[in-house]
Amino acid sequence: MATPQDLKIAILGAGMGGLTTALALAEKGFKYIDVYETASDLGFVGAGIQLAPNMARVLDRLGVWQGIEAEAVNIEETSVR
């Protein structure tokens, strides 16, 4: 008999939300997870990502925050246009 972990899951977008969702599902034992992204390159684009404290806690629970924090910088100033 099939279990929920046997579901085939499609995640649209390889951004922070999509990749975090894929990681969280894998941690829960889901086996068939595909992440789809339209961008041909996932490299640096010169933009920053600001993470709220609750997102940092989620990433910490998933065991990946330490590596992200090592690359992070504190925001010195900001502007809204």
PDB file of N, CA and C in Angstrom:
ATOM      1  N   MET A   1       0.840  -1.186   0.000  1.00  0.00           N
ATOM      2  CA  MET A   1       0.000   0.000   0.000  1.00  0.00           C
ATOM      3  C   MET A   1       0.882   1.246   0.000  1.00  0.00           C
ATOM      4  N   ALA A   2       0.515   2.199  -0.807  1.00  0.00           N
ATOM      5  CA  ALA A   2       1.295   3.438  -0.915  1.00  0.00           C
ATOM      6  C   ALA A   2       1.134   4.278   0.351  1.00  0.00           C
ATOM      7  N   THR A   3       2.208   4.972   0.684  1.00  0.00           N
ATOM      8  CA  THR A   3       2.195   5.884   1.830  1.00  0.00           C
ATOM      9  C   THR A   3       2.287   7.315   1.313  1.00  0.00           C
ATOM     10  N   PRO A   4       2.006   8.304   2.166  1.00  0.00           N
ATOM     11  CA  PRO A   4       2.165   9.697   1.721  1.00  0.00           C
ATOM     12  C   PRO A   4       3.576   9.983   1.199  1.00  0.00           C
ATOM     13  N   GLN A   5       4.590   9.324   1.762  1.00  0.00           N
ATOM     14  CA  GLN A   5       5.962   9.549   1.310  1.00  0.00           C
ATOM     15  C   GLN A   5       6.193   9.055  -0.117  1.00  0.00           C
ATOM     16  N   ASP A   6       5.275   8.244  -0.654  1.00  0.00           N
ATOM     17  CA  ASP A   6       5.391   7.760  -2.030  1.00  0.00           C
ATOM     18  C   ASP A   6       4.809   8.727  -3.059  1.00  0.00           C
ATOM     19  N   LEU A   7       4.217   9.825  -2.607  1.00  0.00           N
ATOM     20  CA  LEU A   7       3.673  10.822  -3.530  1.00  0.00           C
ATOM     21  C   LEU A   7       4.774  11.380  -4.422  1.00  0.00           C
ATOM     22  N   LYS A   8       4.433  11.687  -5.656  1.00  0.00           N
ATOM     23  CA  LYS A   8       5.353  12.380  -6.552  1.00  0.00           C
ATOM     24  C   LYS A   8       5.056  13.866  -6.421  1.00  0.00           C
ATOM     25  N   ILE A   9       6.050  14.626  -5.979  1.00  0.00           N
ATOM     26  CA  ILE A   9       5.861  16.042  -5.667  1.00  0.00           C
ATOM     27  C   ILE A   9       6.632  16.892  -6.670  1.00  0.00           C
ATOM     28  N   ALA A  10       5.961  17.890  -7.240  1.00  0.00           N
ATOM     29  CA  ALA A  10       6.592  18.851  -8.142  1.00  0.00           C
ATOM     30  C   ALA A  10       6.606  20.207  -7.451  1.00  0.00           C
ATOM     31  N   ILE A  11       7.782  20.806  -7.386  1.00  0.00           N
ATOM     32  CA  ILE A  11       7.944  22.136  -6.797  1.00  0.00           C
ATOM     33  C   ILE A  11       8.359  23.070  -7.918  1.00  0.00           C
ATOM     34  N   LEU A  12       7.624  24.157  -8.076  1.00  0.00           N
ATOM     35  CA  LEU A  12       7.909  25.118  -9.133  1.00  0.00           C
ATOM     36  C   LEU A  12       8.720  26.266  -8.566  1.00  0.00           C
ATOM     37  N   GLY A  13       9.960  26.374  -9.002  1.00  0.00           N
ATOM     38  CA  GLY A  13      10.836  27.450  -8.569  1.00  0.00           C
ATOM     39  C   GLY A  13      11.937  26.959  -7.655  1.00  0.00           C
ATOM     40  N   ALA A  14      13.172  27.292  -8.009  1.00  0.00           N
ATOM     41  CA  ALA A  14      14.338  26.886  -7.228  1.00  0.00           C
ATOM     42  C   ALA A  14      14.882  28.047  -6.413  1.00  0.00           C
ATOM     43  N   GLY A  15      13.991  28.931  -5.977  1.00  0.00           N
ATOM     44  CA  GLY A  15      14.396  30.011  -5.080  1.00  0.00           C
ATOM     45  C   GLY A  15      14.458  29.505  -3.649  1.00  0.00           C
ATOM     46  N   MET A  16      14.557  30.437  -2.718  1.00  0.00           N
ATOM     47  CA  MET A  16      14.646  30.059  -1.305  1.00  0.00           C
ATOM     48  C   MET A  16      13.443  29.227  -0.869  1.00  0.00           C
ATOM     49  N   GLY A  17      12.263  29.625  -1.285  1.00  0.00           N
ATOM     50  CA  GLY A  17      11.061  28.895  -0.883  1.00  0.00           C
ATOM     51  C   GLY A  17      11.006  27.490  -1.461  1.00  0.00           C
ATOM     52  N   GLY A  18      11.281  27.373  -2.749  1.00  0.00           N
ATOM     53  CA  GLY A  18      11.220  26.070  -3.406  1.00  0.00           C
ATOM     54  C   GLY A  18      12.256  25.097  -2.882  1.00  0.00           C
ATOM     55  N   LEU A  19      13.494  25.566  -2.751  1.00  0.00           N
ATOM     56  CA  LEU A  19      14.552  24.677  -2.272  1.00  0.00           C
ATOM     57  C   LEU A  19      14.368  24.312  -0.807  1.00  0.00           C
ATOM     58  N   THR A  20      13.896  25.265  -0.003  1.00  0.00           N
ATOM     59  CA  THR A  20      13.638  24.966   1.407  1.00  0.00           C
ATOM     60  C   THR A  20      12.503  23.955   1.529  1.00  0.00           C
ATOM     61  N   THR A  21      11.470  24.109   0.710  1.00  0.00           N
ATOM     62  CA  THR A  21      10.365  23.151   0.717  1.00  0.00           C
ATOM     63  C   THR A  21      10.852  21.760   0.329  1.00  0.00           C
ATOM     64  N   ALA A  22      11.665  21.677  -0.707  1.00  0.00           N
ATOM     65  CA  ALA A  22      12.200  20.382  -1.136  1.00  0.00           C
ATOM     66  C   ALA A  22      13.033  19.739  -0.027  1.00  0.00           C
ATOM     67  N   LEU A  23      13.864  20.524   0.626  1.00  0.00           N
ATOM     68  CA  LEU A  23      14.692  20.002   1.712  1.00  0.00           C
ATOM     69  C   LEU A  23      13.836  19.520   2.880  1.00  0.00           C
ATOM     70  N   ALA A  24      12.834  20.313   3.250  1.00  0.00           N
ATOM     71  CA  ALA A  24      11.962  19.936   4.368  1.00  0.00           C
ATOM     72  C   ALA A  24      11.195  18.645   4.057  1.00  0.00           C
ATOM     73  N   LEU A  25      10.701  18.509   2.834  1.00  0.00           N
ATOM     74  CA  LEU A  25       9.991  17.290   2.454  1.00  0.00           C
ATOM     75  C   LEU A  25      10.925  16.082   2.456  1.00  0.00           C
ATOM     76  N   ALA A  26      12.142  16.264   1.964  1.00  0.00           N
ATOM     77  CA  ALA A  26      13.116  15.171   1.978  1.00  0.00           C
ATOM     78  C   ALA A  26      13.443  14.753   3.410  1.00  0.00           C
ATOM     79  N   GLU A  27      13.566  15.733   4.297  1.00  0.00           N
ATOM     80  CA  GLU A  27      13.833  15.433   5.709  1.00  0.00           C
ATOM     81  C   GLU A  27      12.691  14.627   6.331  1.00  0.00           C
ATOM     82  N   LYS A  28      11.477  14.817   5.837  1.00  0.00           N
ATOM     83  CA  LYS A  28      10.310  14.088   6.351  1.00  0.00           C
ATOM     84  C   LYS A  28      10.131  12.722   5.686  1.00  0.00           C
ATOM     85  N   GLY A  29      11.036  12.375   4.772  1.00  0.00           N
ATOM     86  CA  GLY A  29      10.997  11.046   4.179  1.00  0.00           C
ATOM     87  C   GLY A  29      10.353  10.939   2.811  1.00  0.00           C
ATOM     88  N   PHE A  30       9.937  12.057   2.232  1.00  0.00           N
ATOM     89  CA  PHE A  30       9.376  12.002   0.883  1.00  0.00           C
ATOM     90  C   PHE A  30      10.497  11.666  -0.095  1.00  0.00           C
ATOM     91  N   LYS A  31      10.213  10.751  -1.038  1.00  0.00           N
ATOM     92  CA  LYS A  31      11.260  10.207  -1.899  1.00  0.00           C
ATOM     93  C   LYS A  31      11.273  10.776  -3.312  1.00  0.00           C
ATOM     94  N   TYR A  32      10.147  11.232  -3.785  1.00  0.00           N
ATOM     95  CA  TYR A  32      10.030  11.632  -5.191  1.00  0.00           C
ATOM     96  C   TYR A  32       9.719  13.119  -5.279  1.00  0.00           C
ATOM     97  N   ILE A  33      10.757  13.932  -5.237  1.00  0.00           N
ATOM     98  CA  ILE A  33      10.615  15.388  -5.246  1.00  0.00           C
ATOM     99  C   ILE A  33      11.367  15.932  -6.455  1.00  0.00           C
ATOM    100  N   ASP A  34      10.665  16.630  -7.318  1.00  0.00           N
ATOM    101  CA  ASP A  34      11.293  17.290  -8.461  1.00  0.00           C
ATOM    102  C   ASP A  34      11.121  18.790  -8.305  1.00  0.00           C
ATOM    103  N   VAL A  35      12.218  19.525  -8.493  1.00  0.00           N
ATOM    104  CA  VAL A  35      12.188  20.989  -8.445  1.00  0.00           C
ATOM    105  C   VAL A  35      12.380  21.488  -9.872  1.00  0.00           C
ATOM    106  N   TYR A  36      11.461  22.310 -10.338  1.00  0.00           N
ATOM    107  CA  TYR A  36      11.514  22.857 -11.693  1.00  0.00           C
ATOM    108  C   TYR A  36      11.822  24.348 -11.629  1.00  0.00           C
ATOM    109  N   GLU A  37      12.729  24.782 -12.479  1.00  0.00           N
ATOM    110  CA  GLU A  37      13.145  26.185 -12.524  1.00  0.00           C
ATOM    111  C   GLU A  37      13.293  26.595 -13.979  1.00  0.00           C
ATOM    112  N   THR A  38      12.795  27.774 -14.328  1.00  0.00           N
ATOM    113  CA  THR A  38      12.905  28.236 -15.714  1.00  0.00           C
ATOM    114  C   THR A  38      14.244  28.894 -16.008  1.00  0.00           C
ATOM    115  N   ALA A  39      14.920  29.420 -14.991  1.00  0.00           N
ATOM    116  CA  ALA A  39      16.225  30.049 -15.215  1.00  0.00           C
ATOM    117  C   ALA A  39      17.236  28.981 -15.617  1.00  0.00           C
ATOM    118  N   SER A  40      18.041  29.290 -16.608  1.00  0.00           N
ATOM    119  CA  SER A  40      19.023  28.316 -17.077  1.00  0.00           C
ATOM    120  C   SER A  40      20.270  28.281 -16.200  1.00  0.00           C
ATOM    121  N   ASP A  41      20.476  29.319 -15.388  1.00  0.00           N
ATOM    122  CA  ASP A  41      21.654  29.385 -14.526  1.00  0.00           C
ATOM    123  C   ASP A  41      21.219  29.845 -13.137  1.00  0.00           C
ATOM    124  N   LEU A  42      21.655  29.148 -12.112  1.00  0.00           N
ATOM    125  CA  LEU A  42      21.293  29.511 -10.745  1.00  0.00           C
ATOM    126  C   LEU A  42      22.440  30.216 -10.029  1.00  0.00           C
ATOM    127  N   GLY A  43      23.331  30.838 -10.771  1.00  0.00           N
ATOM    128  CA  GLY A  43      24.469  31.533 -10.174  1.00  0.00           C
ATOM    129  C   GLY A  43      24.082  32.863  -9.567  1.00  0.00           C
ATOM    130  N   PHE A  44      25.094  33.606  -9.168  1.00  0.00           N
ATOM    131  CA  PHE A  44      24.883  34.915  -8.559  1.00  0.00           C
ATOM    132  C   PHE A  44      24.370  35.909  -9.599  1.00  0.00           C
ATOM    133  N   VAL A  45      23.434  36.752  -9.188  1.00  0.00           N
ATOM    134  CA  VAL A  45      22.888  37.761 -10.093  1.00  0.00           C
ATOM    135  C   VAL A  45      23.144  39.170  -9.575  1.00  0.00           C
ATOM    136  N   GLY A  46      23.898  39.301  -8.516  1.00  0.00           N
ATOM    137  CA  GLY A  46      24.208  40.618  -7.980  1.00  0.00           C
ATOM    138  C   GLY A  46      23.151  41.185  -7.063  1.00  0.00           C
ATOM    139  N   ALA A  47      22.204  40.385  -6.686  1.00  0.00           N
ATOM    140  CA  ALA A  47      21.144  40.837  -5.786  1.00  0.00           C
ATOM    141  C   ALA A  47      21.311  40.173  -4.428  1.00  0.00           C
ATOM    142  N   GLY A  48      20.811  40.845  -3.416  1.00  0.00           N
ATOM    143  CA  GLY A  48      20.863  40.279  -2.077  1.00  0.00           C
ATOM    144  C   GLY A  48      19.543  39.644  -1.696  1.00  0.00           C
ATOM    145  N   ILE A  49      19.605  38.782  -0.730  1.00  0.00           N
ATOM    146  CA  ILE A  49      18.403  38.158  -0.181  1.00  0.00           C
ATOM    147  C   ILE A  49      18.371  38.475   1.300  1.00  0.00           C
ATOM    148  N   GLN A  50      17.295  39.078   1.730  1.00  0.00           N
ATOM    149  CA  GLN A  50      17.139  39.369   3.153  1.00  0.00           C
ATOM    150  C   GLN A  50      16.224  38.313   3.752  1.00  0.00           C
ATOM    151  N   LEU A  51      16.690  37.673   4.817  1.00  0.00           N
ATOM    152  CA  LEU A  51      15.911  36.623   5.458  1.00  0.00           C
ATOM    153  C   LEU A  51      15.403  37.097   6.808  1.00  0.00           C
ATOM    154  N   ALA A  52      14.133  36.920   7.023  1.00  0.00           N
ATOM    155  CA  ALA A  52      13.540  37.255   8.317  1.00  0.00           C
ATOM    156  C   ALA A  52      13.997  36.236   9.360  1.00  0.00           C
ATOM    157  N   PRO A  53      13.959  36.613  10.636  1.00  0.00           N
ATOM    158  CA  PRO A  53      14.397  35.685  11.687  1.00  0.00           C
ATOM    159  C   PRO A  53      13.671  34.337  11.659  1.00  0.00           C
ATOM    160  N   ASN A  54      12.381  34.338  11.320  1.00  0.00           N
ATOM    161  CA  ASN A  54      11.676  33.053  11.294  1.00  0.00           C
ATOM    162  C   ASN A  54      12.203  32.147  10.189  1.00  0.00           C
ATOM    163  N   MET A  55      12.631  32.706   9.061  1.00  0.00           N
ATOM    164  CA  MET A  55      13.219  31.898   7.991  1.00  0.00           C
ATOM    165  C   MET A  55      14.561  31.339   8.434  1.00  0.00           C
ATOM    166  N   ALA A  56      15.341  32.146   9.142  1.00  0.00           N
ATOM    167  CA  ALA A  56      16.624  31.662   9.656  1.00  0.00           C
ATOM    168  C   ALA A  56      16.402  30.490  10.613  1.00  0.00           C
ATOM    169  N   ARG A  57      15.365  30.553  11.430  1.00  0.00           N
ATOM    170  CA  ARG A  57      15.064  29.448  12.353  1.00  0.00           C
ATOM    171  C   ARG A  57      14.679  28.180  11.592  1.00  0.00           C
ATOM    172  N   VAL A  58      13.898  28.326  10.533  1.00  0.00           N
ATOM    173  CA  VAL A  58      13.520  27.167   9.721  1.00  0.00           C
ATOM    174  C   VAL A  58      14.766  26.542   9.105  1.00  0.00           C
ATOM    175  N   LEU A  59      15.624  27.369   8.528  1.00  0.00           N
ATOM    176  CA  LEU A  59      16.846  26.858   7.913  1.00  0.00           C
ATOM    177  C   LEU A  59      17.762  26.215   8.946  1.00  0.00           C
ATOM    178  N   ASP A  60      17.770  26.747  10.159  1.00  0.00           N
ATOM    179  CA  ASP A  60      18.566  26.154  11.231  1.00  0.00           C
ATOM    180  C   ASP A  60      18.019  24.775  11.599  1.00  0.00           C
ATOM    181  N   ARG A  61      16.708  24.655  11.695  1.00  0.00           N
ATOM    182  CA  ARG A  61      16.097  23.353  12.011  1.00  0.00           C
ATOM    183  C   ARG A  61      16.385  22.318  10.933  1.00  0.00           C
ATOM    184  N   LEU A  62      16.533  22.783   9.697  1.00  0.00           N
ATOM    185  CA  LEU A  62      16.846  21.874   8.590  1.00  0.00           C
ATOM    186  C   LEU A  62      18.338  21.576   8.493  1.00  0.00           C
ATOM    187  N   GLY A  63      19.138  22.230   9.342  1.00  0.00           N
ATOM    188  CA  GLY A  63      20.569  21.947   9.392  1.00  0.00           C
ATOM    189  C   GLY A  63      21.422  22.659   8.364  1.00  0.00           C
ATOM    190  N   VAL A  64      20.906  23.723   7.734  1.00  0.00           N
ATOM    191  CA  VAL A  64      21.679  24.402   6.689  1.00  0.00           C
ATOM    192  C   VAL A  64      22.023  25.851   7.021  1.00  0.00           C
ATOM    193  N   TRP A  65      21.502  26.373   8.134  1.00  0.00           N
ATOM    194  CA  TRP A  65      21.712  27.786   8.442  1.00  0.00           C
ATOM    195  C   TRP A  65      23.181  28.118   8.658  1.00  0.00           C
ATOM    196  N   GLN A  66      23.930  27.253   9.305  1.00  0.00           N
ATOM    197  CA  GLN A  66      25.328  27.550   9.621  1.00  0.00           C
ATOM    198  C   GLN A  66      26.128  27.859   8.349  1.00  0.00           C
ATOM    199  N   GLY A  67      25.918  27.102   7.301  1.00  0.00           N
ATOM    200  CA  GLY A  67      26.608  27.358   6.042  1.00  0.00           C
ATOM    201  C   GLY A  67      26.171  28.652   5.384  1.00  0.00           C
ATOM    202  N   ILE A  68      24.888  28.970   5.483  1.00  0.00           N
ATOM    203  CA  ILE A  68      24.375  30.224   4.921  1.00  0.00           C
ATOM    204  C   ILE A  68      24.903  31.406   5.716  1.00  0.00           C
ATOM    205  N   GLU A  69      24.861  31.291   7.036  1.00  0.00           N
ATOM    206  CA  GLU A  69      25.319  32.384   7.900  1.00  0.00           C
ATOM    207  C   GLU A  69      26.795  32.704   7.668  1.00  0.00           C
ATOM    208  N   ALA A  70      27.584  31.696   7.331  1.00  0.00           N
ATOM    209  CA  ALA A  70      29.011  31.915   7.071  1.00  0.00           C
ATOM    210  C   ALA A  70      29.234  32.836   5.874  1.00  0.00           C
ATOM    211  N   GLU A  71      28.281  32.867   4.940  1.00  0.00           N
ATOM    212  CA  GLU A  71      28.382  33.715   3.751  1.00  0.00           C
ATOM    213  C   GLU A  71      27.629  35.030   3.904  1.00  0.00           C
ATOM    214  N   ALA A  72      26.866  35.173   4.970  1.00  0.00           N
ATOM    215  CA  ALA A  72      25.988  36.334   5.147  1.00  0.00           C
ATOM    216  C   ALA A  72      26.756  37.569   5.605  1.00  0.00           C
ATOM    217  N   VAL A  73      26.180  38.712   5.322  1.00  0.00           N
ATOM    218  CA  VAL A  73      26.709  39.989   5.811  1.00  0.00           C
ATOM    219  C   VAL A  73      25.561  40.761   6.448  1.00  0.00           C
ATOM    220  N   ASN A  74      25.889  41.590   7.414  1.00  0.00           N
ATOM    221  CA  ASN A  74      24.879  42.435   8.041  1.00  0.00           C
ATOM    222  C   ASN A  74      24.532  43.600   7.127  1.00  0.00           C
ATOM    223  N   ILE A  75      23.281  43.999   7.138  1.00  0.00           N
ATOM    224  CA  ILE A  75      22.835  45.139   6.341  1.00  0.00           C
ATOM    225  C   ILE A  75      23.292  46.423   7.029  1.00  0.00           C
ATOM    226  N   GLU A  76      24.026  47.245   6.308  1.00  0.00           N
ATOM    227  CA  GLU A  76      24.503  48.521   6.846  1.00  0.00           C
ATOM    228  C   GLU A  76      23.467  49.627   6.658  1.00  0.00           C
ATOM    229  N   GLU A  77      22.798  49.606   5.513  1.00  0.00           N
ATOM    230  CA  GLU A  77      21.773  50.609   5.224  1.00  0.00           C
ATOM    231  C   GLU A  77      20.834  50.050   4.168  1.00  0.00           C
ATOM    232  N   THR A  78      19.697  50.679   4.030  1.00  0.00           N
ATOM    233  CA  THR A  78      18.727  50.240   3.037  1.00  0.00           C
ATOM    234  C   THR A  78      17.942  51.444   2.531  1.00  0.00           C
ATOM    235  N   SER A  79      17.314  51.280   1.393  1.00  0.00           N
ATOM    236  CA  SER A  79      16.436  52.327   0.874  1.00  0.00           C
ATOM    237  C   SER A  79      15.293  51.661   0.123  1.00  0.00           C
ATOM    238  N   VAL A  80      14.157  52.318   0.152  1.00  0.00           N
ATOM    239  CA  VAL A  80      12.988  51.841  -0.571  1.00  0.00           C
ATOM    240  C   VAL A  80      12.654  52.879  -1.623  1.00  0.00           C
ATOM    241  N   ARG A  81      12.511  52.448  -2.860  1.00  0.00           N
ATOM    242  CA  ARG A  81      12.244  53.385  -3.955  1.00  0.00           C
ATOM    243  C   ARG A  81      10.905  53.115  -4.568  1.00  0.00           C
TER     244      ARG A  81
END
